[in-house]
Amino acid sequence: MESHEEVVDEFQGVNFRWVLRSKKIKSSARRLGSSRRSTDDDFSSILSLSHARCFEVSFPKQHEKMAVESYFPHIVREARAMKEEKKTLKIFTVEPENLYGNISKVWTGVNLDHPATFDTLAMDAGHKTAILKDLARFVRRKDYYRKVGKAWKRGYLLYGPPGTGKSSLIAAMANYLNFDVYDLELTQLRENSELRKLIIATANRSILVVEDIDCTIDLQNRSAAKQNHHNPHHHPPKRQVTLSGLLNFIDGLWSSCGDERIIVFTTNHKEKLDPALMRPGRMDVHINLSYCTPCGFRILASNYLGVKDHGLFPEIEELVSRCQVTPAEVAEQLMRNDDDDEDDDDAGDPEDVLTRLIEFLKSKKDELKVESLETSKSQETQEIKKGGLSSSSDNKG
């Protein structure tokens, strides 16, 4: 807008007139340049002109209450929303050497341009809808969280085999919410105080991610620590973030240092996690990202081949249901071209690609049968050995 330009905004049937005002003001500066020792009298004031700008808004006096309670908060919300739309998402990683220096530089970020969205995720439609509803409900419930006395945060536990889309889901969540991502590597930290510094330095409206939580911190057998305390041959572990420190960060006093935060833990082995970590209030939503399903396959076929339906789909869906194949494995097969020597983005003829996928799924199914037979034989052998030991003990008796 130019100076003195007027804009009329209508809100709830009332016209609000906005005018940009610009006023020249005089400011003084001091002339430098004298090489000798100076005093206040040695400096001459220089007058310079600058502009002070502001918006002036006018409206009928009888609508003053509505303006203060409804219109101006509406303007603030709209301004924030416009700012968020222009925001470039970033992913941040820890700079350990700055933990004891400039706290503002403890995280370094790069642009996050991940293409994953909820439309492209190879996940059942029902699960997608449930996650989207939960995220939407979370971001609009600031007043509710404050009313019930809880920190405005939400915890998600993503678990399942490798290649099932945990990282893609995190990227889709970030794109949907327009939240930055903070990738927290706990193995880089030596003590709980460093974790607290990192939490303080994270921004609001962000997703804090700890991947492979079962591998980055000792979450099991807390009672073993007490037993080892009395063991003279036990060597204390190296300094690291403790489970209690992590729990305090999730739902203790330090969890309130920030608003509108999503905390995401991922693991390939949910059964290895301490139950204290998984209870509601810490990990509120548990999402099982398992092997590919018929619904997931159809989404992948649409993404990679542009095919919504095909005569080979029923056979593929039957095989997908019977063999343990991850979405990443299916996607890899769909990406293969007719001629591997050609540098071409075209995925080839859909029927040829789907035929190769069927061959791949059949081989996976055969591998699963072999593994199942070997497991059964191993169990039978162990039972026979146990039976032999039992008979031997009885004879000795």
Protein backbone atom coordinates (compact mmCIF):
# COMPACT_ATOMS: atom_id res chain seq x y z
CA MET A 1 0.00 0.00 0.00
CA GLU A 2 1.03 3.57 -0.65
CA SER A 3 0.92 6.27 1.98
CA HIS A 4 -2.65 7.50 2.65
CA GLU A 5 -4.09 4.67 0.56
CA GLU A 6 -7.39 3.36 1.93
CA VAL A 7 -8.76 -0.19 2.02
CA VAL A 8 -12.23 -1.18 3.22
CA ASP A 9 -12.62 -4.59 4.89
CA GLU A 10 -16.08 -5.98 5.63
CA PHE A 11 -16.49 -8.22 8.67
CA GLN A 12 -19.85 -9.46 9.97
CA GLY A 13 -21.63 -6.76 7.98
CA VAL A 14 -19.49 -3.91 9.34
CA ASN A 15 -17.05 -1.86 7.23
CA PHE A 16 -13.57 -1.31 8.68
CA ARG A 17 -11.55 1.39 6.92
CA TRP A 18 -7.78 0.92 6.96
CA VAL A 19 -5.46 3.79 6.00
CA LEU A 20 -1.67 3.64 5.81
CA ARG A 21 -0.21 6.69 7.55
CA SER A 22 3.36 7.78 7.02
CA LYS A 23 5.03 10.57 8.97
CA LYS A 24 8.49 12.02 8.57
CA ILE A 25 10.42 12.25 11.81
CA LYS A 26 13.78 13.77 12.62
CA SER A 27 16.44 11.68 14.27
CA SER A 28 19.89 12.73 15.37
CA ALA A 29 23.19 10.99 14.83
CA ARG A 30 26.70 11.95 15.83
CA ARG A 31 29.53 12.72 13.47
CA LEU A 32 32.49 10.48 13.99
CA GLY A 33 35.92 10.94 12.54
CA SER A 34 37.94 12.92 15.03
CA SER A 35 41.18 11.07 15.73
CA ARG A 36 41.88 12.88 18.98
CA ARG A 37 40.26 11.99 22.28
CA SER A 38 36.74 13.32 22.19
CA THR A 39 34.16 14.61 24.58
CA ASP A 40 30.45 15.19 24.14
CA ASP A 41 31.15 18.75 23.01
CA ASP A 42 33.41 17.52 20.22
CA PHE A 43 30.52 15.84 18.38
CA SER A 44 28.06 17.67 16.20
CA SER A 45 24.54 16.43 15.82
CA ILE A 46 23.38 15.56 12.35
CA LEU A 47 19.65 15.62 11.66
CA SER A 48 18.34 12.91 9.36
CA LEU A 49 14.84 12.17 8.17
CA SER A 50 13.12 8.81 8.53
CA HIS A 51 9.55 7.60 8.18
CA ALA A 52 7.27 6.15 10.82
CA ARG A 53 4.47 4.07 9.33
CA CYS A 54 1.31 2.74 10.89
CA PHE A 55 -2.18 1.64 9.99
CA GLU A 56 -5.17 3.63 11.12
CA VAL A 57 -8.47 1.77 11.32
CA SER A 58 -11.89 3.37 11.76
CA PHE A 59 -15.33 1.85 12.28
CA PRO A 60 -18.74 2.80 13.75
CA LYS A 61 -18.45 3.37 17.49
CA GLN A 62 -21.38 1.07 18.32
CA HIS A 63 -19.31 -1.88 17.04
CA GLU A 64 -16.32 -1.24 19.30
CA LYS A 65 -16.86 -4.37 21.41
CA MET A 66 -17.16 -6.57 18.35
CA ALA A 67 -14.02 -5.00 16.87
CA VAL A 68 -11.93 -5.64 19.98
CA GLU A 69 -13.25 -9.11 20.79
CA SER A 70 -13.79 -10.55 17.30
CA TYR A 71 -12.39 -8.48 14.44
CA PHE A 72 -8.87 -7.76 15.65
CA PRO A 73 -8.27 -11.37 16.83
CA HIS A 74 -9.54 -12.45 13.39
CA ILE A 75 -6.99 -10.16 11.71
CA VAL A 76 -4.16 -11.59 13.85
CA ARG A 77 -5.18 -15.17 12.99
CA GLU A 78 -5.35 -14.37 9.28
CA ALA A 79 -1.94 -12.69 9.37
CA ARG A 80 -0.40 -15.72 11.05
CA ALA A 81 -2.05 -18.05 8.54
CA MET A 82 -0.67 -16.01 5.62
CA LYS A 83 2.78 -16.11 7.18
CA GLU A 84 2.55 -19.89 7.57
CA GLU A 85 1.55 -20.30 3.91
CA LYS A 86 4.74 -18.55 2.82
CA LYS A 87 6.86 -20.53 5.27
CA THR A 88 9.51 -22.88 3.88
CA LEU A 89 9.64 -26.09 5.89
CA LYS A 90 12.97 -27.02 7.42
CA ILE A 91 14.48 -30.08 9.05
CA PHE A 92 16.92 -29.44 11.89
CA THR A 93 19.73 -31.58 13.27
CA VAL A 94 21.80 -31.22 16.43
CA GLU A 95 25.18 -29.50 16.49
CA PRO A 96 26.69 -31.06 19.67
CA GLU A 97 29.66 -28.64 19.77
CA ASN A 98 27.24 -25.74 20.31
CA LEU A 99 25.54 -27.26 23.35
CA TYR A 100 27.86 -25.30 25.61
CA GLY A 101 28.07 -22.20 23.46
CA ASN A 102 25.48 -20.15 21.63
CA ILE A 103 22.19 -21.96 22.35
CA SER A 104 20.59 -20.34 19.27
CA LYS A 105 23.00 -22.33 17.08
CA VAL A 106 22.46 -25.72 18.71
CA TRP A 107 20.13 -26.70 15.82
CA THR A 108 21.10 -26.30 12.16
CA GLY A 109 18.43 -26.52 9.50
CA VAL A 110 18.09 -27.18 5.80
CA ASN A 111 15.00 -26.90 3.62
CA LEU A 112 12.66 -29.88 3.83
CA ASP A 113 11.23 -30.54 0.38
CA HIS A 114 9.82 -34.03 0.91
CA PRO A 115 7.00 -34.88 -1.55
CA ALA A 116 5.12 -37.22 0.80
CA THR A 117 1.47 -36.38 1.47
CA PHE A 118 -1.38 -38.35 2.96
CA ASP A 119 -2.68 -38.89 -0.58
CA THR A 120 0.52 -40.68 -1.62
CA LEU A 121 1.01 -42.78 1.53
CA ALA A 122 0.51 -46.52 0.98
CA MET A 123 -1.80 -46.81 3.97
CA ASP A 124 -5.37 -47.97 4.47
CA ALA A 125 -7.85 -45.14 3.99
CA GLY A 126 -9.36 -45.67 7.45
CA HIS A 127 -5.99 -45.23 9.16
CA LYS A 128 -5.26 -42.08 7.15
CA THR A 129 -8.60 -40.55 8.06
CA ALA A 130 -8.09 -41.31 11.74
CA ILE A 131 -4.62 -39.72 11.78
CA LEU A 132 -5.78 -36.62 9.88
CA LYS A 133 -8.72 -36.14 12.25
CA ASP A 134 -6.45 -36.49 15.27
CA LEU A 135 -3.96 -33.93 13.92
CA ALA A 136 -6.71 -31.45 13.00
CA ARG A 137 -8.30 -31.79 16.42
CA PHE A 138 -4.96 -31.25 18.14
CA VAL A 139 -4.07 -27.97 16.39
CA ARG A 140 -7.44 -26.36 17.12
CA ARG A 141 -7.59 -27.25 20.84
CA LYS A 142 -5.19 -24.75 22.39
CA ASP A 143 -7.83 -23.37 24.76
CA TYR A 144 -8.94 -26.88 25.71
CA TYR A 145 -5.43 -27.99 26.67
CA ARG A 146 -4.99 -24.87 28.77
CA LYS A 147 -8.39 -25.36 30.42
CA VAL A 148 -7.59 -28.93 31.51
CA GLY A 149 -4.06 -27.99 32.61
CA LYS A 150 -2.06 -29.95 30.05
CA ALA A 151 0.86 -28.95 27.87
CA TRP A 152 -0.21 -28.40 24.26
CA LYS A 153 1.58 -31.40 22.76
CA ARG A 154 0.77 -34.77 21.23
CA GLY A 155 2.83 -37.96 21.19
CA TYR A 156 2.86 -40.50 18.35
CA LEU A 157 4.55 -43.91 18.39
CA LEU A 158 5.16 -45.33 14.91
CA TYR A 159 6.12 -48.98 14.93
CA GLY A 160 6.53 -51.74 12.38
CA PRO A 161 9.15 -53.48 10.21
CA PRO A 162 11.70 -51.45 8.22
CA GLY A 163 10.42 -50.11 4.91
CA THR A 164 6.79 -49.69 5.97
CA GLY A 165 6.68 -45.90 5.64
CA LYS A 166 7.46 -44.45 9.07
CA SER A 167 9.68 -41.66 7.71
CA SER A 168 7.22 -40.92 4.90
CA LEU A 169 4.40 -40.58 7.42
CA ILE A 170 6.43 -38.05 9.43
CA ALA A 171 7.08 -36.03 6.26
CA ALA A 172 3.37 -36.17 5.36
CA MET A 173 2.48 -34.92 8.85
CA ALA A 174 4.95 -32.03 8.50
CA ASN A 175 3.55 -31.07 5.08
CA TYR A 176 -0.04 -31.29 6.32
CA LEU A 177 0.55 -29.19 9.45
CA ASN A 178 3.24 -26.95 7.90
CA PHE A 179 5.48 -27.77 10.89
CA ASP A 180 9.28 -27.83 10.90
CA VAL A 181 10.95 -31.11 11.86
CA TYR A 182 13.62 -31.50 14.55
CA ASP A 183 15.58 -34.75 14.19
CA LEU A 184 16.83 -35.57 17.69
CA GLU A 185 19.66 -38.10 17.84
CA LEU A 186 19.87 -39.09 21.51
CA THR A 187 23.18 -40.94 21.10
CA GLN A 188 24.86 -37.56 20.53
CA LEU A 189 23.90 -36.41 24.03
CA ARG A 190 25.86 -37.21 27.17
CA GLU A 191 23.42 -36.18 29.89
CA ASN A 192 19.89 -35.02 30.60
CA SER A 193 20.89 -31.35 30.88
CA GLU A 194 21.88 -31.37 27.20
CA LEU A 195 18.44 -32.72 26.31
CA ARG A 196 16.83 -29.85 28.22
CA LYS A 197 18.90 -27.31 26.28
CA LEU A 198 17.72 -28.79 23.01
CA ILE A 199 14.08 -28.72 24.07
CA ILE A 200 14.33 -25.05 25.03
CA ALA A 201 15.86 -24.24 21.63
CA THR A 202 13.08 -25.87 19.57
CA ALA A 203 10.40 -23.65 18.08
CA ASN A 204 6.66 -23.91 18.58
CA ARG A 205 4.58 -25.54 15.84
CA SER A 206 7.15 -28.24 15.22
CA ILE A 207 7.58 -32.01 15.11
CA LEU A 208 10.31 -33.48 17.30
CA VAL A 209 11.40 -36.89 16.00
CA VAL A 210 13.40 -39.61 17.76
CA GLU A 211 13.93 -42.46 15.32
CA ASP A 212 14.66 -46.03 16.43
CA ILE A 213 14.06 -45.14 20.06
CA ASP A 214 14.78 -48.73 21.15
CA CYS A 215 18.32 -48.44 19.73
CA THR A 216 19.21 -44.95 20.96
CA ILE A 217 18.54 -45.27 24.70
CA ASP A 218 18.49 -48.12 27.22
CA LEU A 219 14.76 -48.40 27.86
CA GLN A 220 14.59 -51.91 29.25
CA ASN A 221 15.16 -53.63 32.53
CA ARG A 222 15.34 -50.65 34.83
CA SER A 223 15.47 -53.10 37.72
CA ALA A 224 18.70 -54.48 36.28
CA ALA A 225 20.40 -51.19 37.12
CA LYS A 226 19.60 -51.72 40.78
CA GLN A 227 20.96 -55.27 40.67
CA ASN A 228 24.16 -54.17 38.94
CA HIS A 229 24.67 -51.51 41.60
CA HIS A 230 25.55 -54.28 44.07
CA ASN A 231 27.67 -56.22 41.59
CA PRO A 232 31.39 -55.50 42.17
CA HIS A 233 32.27 -56.70 38.66
CA HIS A 234 29.77 -54.42 36.97
CA HIS A 235 31.18 -51.50 35.01
CA PRO A 236 28.92 -48.43 34.93
CA PRO A 237 27.71 -47.46 31.46
CA LYS A 238 28.98 -44.38 29.69
CA ARG A 239 27.16 -41.13 30.37
CA GLN A 240 23.97 -40.82 28.36
CA VAL A 241 20.39 -39.59 28.49
CA THR A 242 18.43 -41.66 31.01
CA LEU A 243 14.91 -43.00 30.75
CA SER A 244 13.77 -40.75 33.59
CA GLY A 245 15.22 -37.73 31.78
CA LEU A 246 13.40 -38.70 28.61
CA LEU A 247 10.11 -39.20 30.45
CA ASN A 248 10.46 -35.80 32.11
CA PHE A 249 10.93 -34.25 28.69
CA ILE A 250 7.76 -35.98 27.40
CA ASP A 251 5.31 -35.21 30.20
CA GLY A 252 7.21 -33.61 33.08
CA LEU A 253 7.74 -29.93 33.85
CA TRP A 254 10.00 -29.45 30.83
CA SER A 255 7.28 -30.66 28.48
CA SER A 256 5.50 -27.32 28.94
CA CYS A 257 8.40 -25.35 27.44
CA GLY A 258 6.68 -24.67 24.14
CA ASP A 259 3.28 -24.91 22.48
CA GLU A 260 1.74 -26.89 19.65
CA ARG A 261 4.38 -29.59 19.46
CA ILE A 262 4.19 -33.07 18.02
CA ILE A 263 6.55 -35.69 19.47
CA VAL A 264 7.17 -38.76 17.30
CA PHE A 265 9.06 -41.88 18.33
CA THR A 266 9.71 -44.66 15.82
CA THR A 267 10.75 -48.25 16.45
CA ASN A 268 10.99 -51.53 14.59
CA HIS A 269 10.43 -53.44 17.84
CA LYS A 270 7.61 -52.12 19.99
CA GLU A 271 7.97 -55.07 22.37
CA LYS A 272 11.41 -53.81 23.43
CA LEU A 273 10.11 -50.50 24.77
CA ASP A 274 9.58 -49.85 28.46
CA PRO A 275 5.82 -49.74 29.28
CA ALA A 276 6.37 -46.42 31.09
CA LEU A 277 7.20 -44.81 27.76
CA MET A 278 4.05 -45.96 25.98
CA ARG A 279 1.27 -45.00 28.36
CA PRO A 280 -1.27 -42.28 27.42
CA GLY A 281 0.00 -38.78 28.07
CA ARG A 282 3.39 -39.76 26.69
CA MET A 283 2.74 -41.66 23.49
CA ASP A 284 -0.93 -40.81 22.95
CA VAL A 285 -1.37 -42.49 19.56
CA HIS A 286 0.18 -45.82 18.57
CA ILE A 287 0.30 -46.37 14.79
CA ASN A 288 1.17 -49.82 13.44
CA LEU A 289 2.81 -49.49 10.03
CA SER A 290 2.83 -53.09 8.91
CA TYR A 291 3.33 -54.91 5.63
CA CYS A 292 1.69 -53.80 2.40
CA THR A 293 -2.06 -54.34 2.08
CA PRO A 294 -4.27 -54.52 -1.04
CA CYS A 295 -5.36 -50.93 -0.38
CA GLY A 296 -1.72 -49.84 -0.05
CA PHE A 297 -0.82 -51.60 -3.30
CA ARG A 298 -3.57 -49.76 -5.21
CA ILE A 299 -2.24 -46.43 -3.95
CA LEU A 300 1.29 -47.34 -5.02
CA ALA A 301 0.09 -48.48 -8.46
CA SER A 302 -1.70 -45.16 -8.89
CA ASN A 303 1.36 -43.20 -7.73
CA TYR A 304 3.99 -45.02 -9.82
CA LEU A 305 2.05 -46.27 -12.85
CA GLY A 306 -0.93 -43.94 -13.01
CA VAL A 307 -3.17 -47.02 -13.04
CA LYS A 308 -6.36 -47.11 -10.97
CA ASP A 309 -7.43 -50.63 -11.96
CA HIS A 310 -6.13 -53.54 -14.02
CA GLY A 311 -6.98 -57.15 -14.77
CA LEU A 312 -3.90 -58.30 -12.80
CA PHE A 313 -4.91 -56.44 -9.64
CA PRO A 314 -6.95 -59.31 -8.07
CA GLU A 315 -4.02 -61.76 -8.33
CA ILE A 316 -1.59 -59.18 -6.95
CA GLU A 317 -3.90 -58.30 -4.06
CA GLU A 318 -4.23 -61.99 -3.19
CA LEU A 319 -0.45 -62.41 -3.13
CA VAL A 320 0.06 -59.21 -1.14
CA SER A 321 -2.36 -60.50 1.49
CA ARG A 322 -0.49 -63.80 1.82
CA CYS A 323 3.16 -62.75 1.80
CA GLN A 324 4.99 -60.31 4.04
CA VAL A 325 6.13 -57.60 1.65
CA THR A 326 6.75 -53.99 2.61
CA PRO A 327 5.45 -50.97 0.68
CA ALA A 328 9.08 -50.06 -0.05
CA GLU A 329 9.64 -53.43 -1.76
CA VAL A 330 6.49 -53.07 -3.85
CA ALA A 331 7.44 -49.51 -4.80
CA GLU A 332 10.89 -50.68 -5.91
CA GLN A 333 9.32 -53.22 -8.28
CA LEU A 334 6.92 -50.64 -9.71
CA MET A 335 9.78 -48.23 -10.42
CA ARG A 336 11.68 -50.64 -12.67
CA ASN A 337 11.74 -49.80 -16.38
CA ASP A 338 11.46 -52.20 -19.30
CA ASP A 339 15.08 -51.50 -20.20
CA ASP A 340 17.29 -51.06 -17.14
CA ASP A 341 20.02 -49.53 -19.33
CA GLU A 342 17.86 -46.60 -20.34
CA ASP A 343 17.87 -43.50 -18.20
CA ASP A 344 14.12 -42.94 -18.44
CA ASP A 345 11.51 -41.77 -15.99
CA ASP A 346 8.83 -43.84 -17.78
CA ALA A 347 7.94 -46.93 -15.75
CA GLY A 348 7.29 -48.94 -18.93
CA ASP A 349 4.14 -50.77 -19.92
CA PRO A 350 1.95 -51.22 -16.80
CA GLU A 351 1.12 -54.84 -17.65
CA ASP A 352 4.80 -55.78 -17.93
CA VAL A 353 5.58 -54.05 -14.64
CA LEU A 354 2.65 -55.74 -12.88
CA THR A 355 3.67 -59.12 -14.31
CA ARG A 356 7.16 -58.72 -12.87
CA LEU A 357 5.60 -57.72 -9.56
CA ILE A 358 3.57 -60.96 -9.54
CA GLU A 359 6.76 -62.98 -10.10
CA PHE A 360 8.45 -61.12 -7.25
CA LEU A 361 5.50 -61.70 -4.89
CA LYS A 362 5.41 -65.41 -5.74
CA SER A 363 9.10 -65.71 -4.87
CA LYS A 364 8.45 -63.90 -1.57
CA LYS A 365 5.60 -66.30 -0.85
CA ASP A 366 7.87 -69.31 -1.50
CA GLU A 367 10.54 -67.84 0.79
CA LEU A 368 7.95 -67.42 3.51
CA LYS A 369 6.92 -71.08 3.19
CA VAL A 370 10.54 -72.23 3.48
CA GLU A 371 11.11 -70.06 6.55
CA SER A 372 7.91 -71.39 8.12
CA LEU A 373 8.98 -75.01 7.54
CA GLU A 374 12.44 -74.37 8.97
CA THR A 375 10.91 -72.74 12.04
CA SER A 376 8.55 -75.69 12.56
CA LYS A 377 11.42 -78.19 12.25
CA SER A 378 13.51 -76.20 14.71
CA GLN A 379 10.66 -76.15 17.24
CA GLU A 380 10.10 -79.90 16.84
CA THR A 381 13.81 -80.57 17.37
CA GLN A 382 13.81 -78.51 20.55
CA GLU A 383 10.73 -80.32 21.86
CA ILE A 384 12.34 -83.71 21.15
CA LYS A 385 15.49 -82.64 22.99
CA LYS A 386 13.44 -81.46 25.95
CA GLY A 387 11.52 -84.73 25.96
CA GLY A 388 14.76 -86.72 25.91
CA LEU A 389 16.19 -84.75 28.81
CA SER A 390 13.00 -85.26 30.78
CA SER A 391 13.04 -89.05 30.22
CA SER A 392 16.70 -89.24 31.20
CA SER A 393 15.99 -87.40 34.43
CA ASP A 394 13.08 -89.72 35.22
CA ASN A 395 15.23 -92.83 34.66
CA LYS A 396 17.91 -91.50 36.95
CA GLY A 397 15.26 -90.90 39.58
